[in-house]
Amino acid sequence: MADHVAESGAWLSLRGLDGANPLAFLAALGVLRLATVPDEPRPRMRWAMREGRWTPLLSTGDQTDADLVLNRIGRRLGLEDPKRDTRWYLSPQFGGKIYKNLKNIPPAGFRDWCLRARSEARLFSRDAADFLCAYGCESVTTKSEGAIAPTKLHFIDGTSRQNYLETAKNLHEFDRSQPRHIKESHLRSALLEIWKYEDNRLGFRWDPADLRQHALMADDPSPLPTQTVWGANLLAFHGTTLLPSFPVGNRLATVGFLANSSRQSMRWPIWEPPATLDVTRTVLGLTAGDLLSELKTRGVVQIFESDKVQTGESGRAIWSFSPARAVGL
């Protein structure tokens, strides 16, 4: 589809992000969130067909270039001063225990964290509150453990020797002297280059490339190392704050996931008119419902959908996203 939106000002093409990939879409949301900072022009994002795929375009005002965008994102992430990191919500504690995953978190502990986040929240400084809203809700618990029910995006829970919060914490390690720590170059390549999958582990399994089904491969995929894109996963983690979880009756719902379906599927929109962070948040809230016709009037031109697929034996099962399919408007 041709790009019909008149371009005013400079737009940066984030050519590394493919709108049909759920990880890339979440990373685009993360870019928009992290680039939105106080006392700066509000960035806007739109999508255009580039090189045969939907690509996000970002504008931060009259002049937008990669260095400016990466500088904003780096400041929000704390790349310049990693020792001042105060992200307690990446390794929260309760009763003397540090939780590496969202599962098994007692409701009382989660409630304490929410109260702390509320007391710390300010108009332009509310990361803890936003992430806790994305993690889950203390009023909905699992039947087996009586722990909080986690977000539908909780794909790694220790089964594959990867933990959700621990992975997030490790992705926020920015020590430049350590070769295995993330750097601005990881963000730059994730946003501006076709992905090469050169990073080991540290991923949330939101990329359909992570779906390695035994029956479709020549060898058992279990012992094979997981190759990921660190920069995309870090940005996507921040993008999850636009997909909060909330109680619906006695179950937990997550924005973007189909509510009344026999399968667990996530839907996400592609839009052509420039949208700020707040507008994007509103559109995301409509995508998984029955309001597709309304989305069209808001400039949404494409909806993608991926299934949450479980592979492996009981007790060792892991989750991944299936390749996306287009949903008609």
Foldseek 3Di string as FASTA:
>chain_A
DAFPDDDAADKDWQVQAFPLFQLSVLLVLLLQVQLQAPPFQFKWWAWGQDPNGIIIIIDRPRDDDPVSSLVSNCVSLVLVNLVPDPPCLLFPDDPRHTDQALPPAALVSLVVQCVVLVVPDDPRDRQSNLLSQLFFHSQAADPPRNHTDGHPLQFDPCLLPHHDSNLLVQQSDNPPVDPLHDYSVLQCCSRHHHDDLAHWDSASQSGQVSDDACVVDPDDCSVPTGGDRSNSRNSSSSSSSLWGWDDDPNDIDTQQWADPDPFTKGKDFHFNDIDHSVRRSVLSNPGNDPPVVVNVVVGTDWMKMWTWDWDDDPSNIGTHTHRIDIDDD
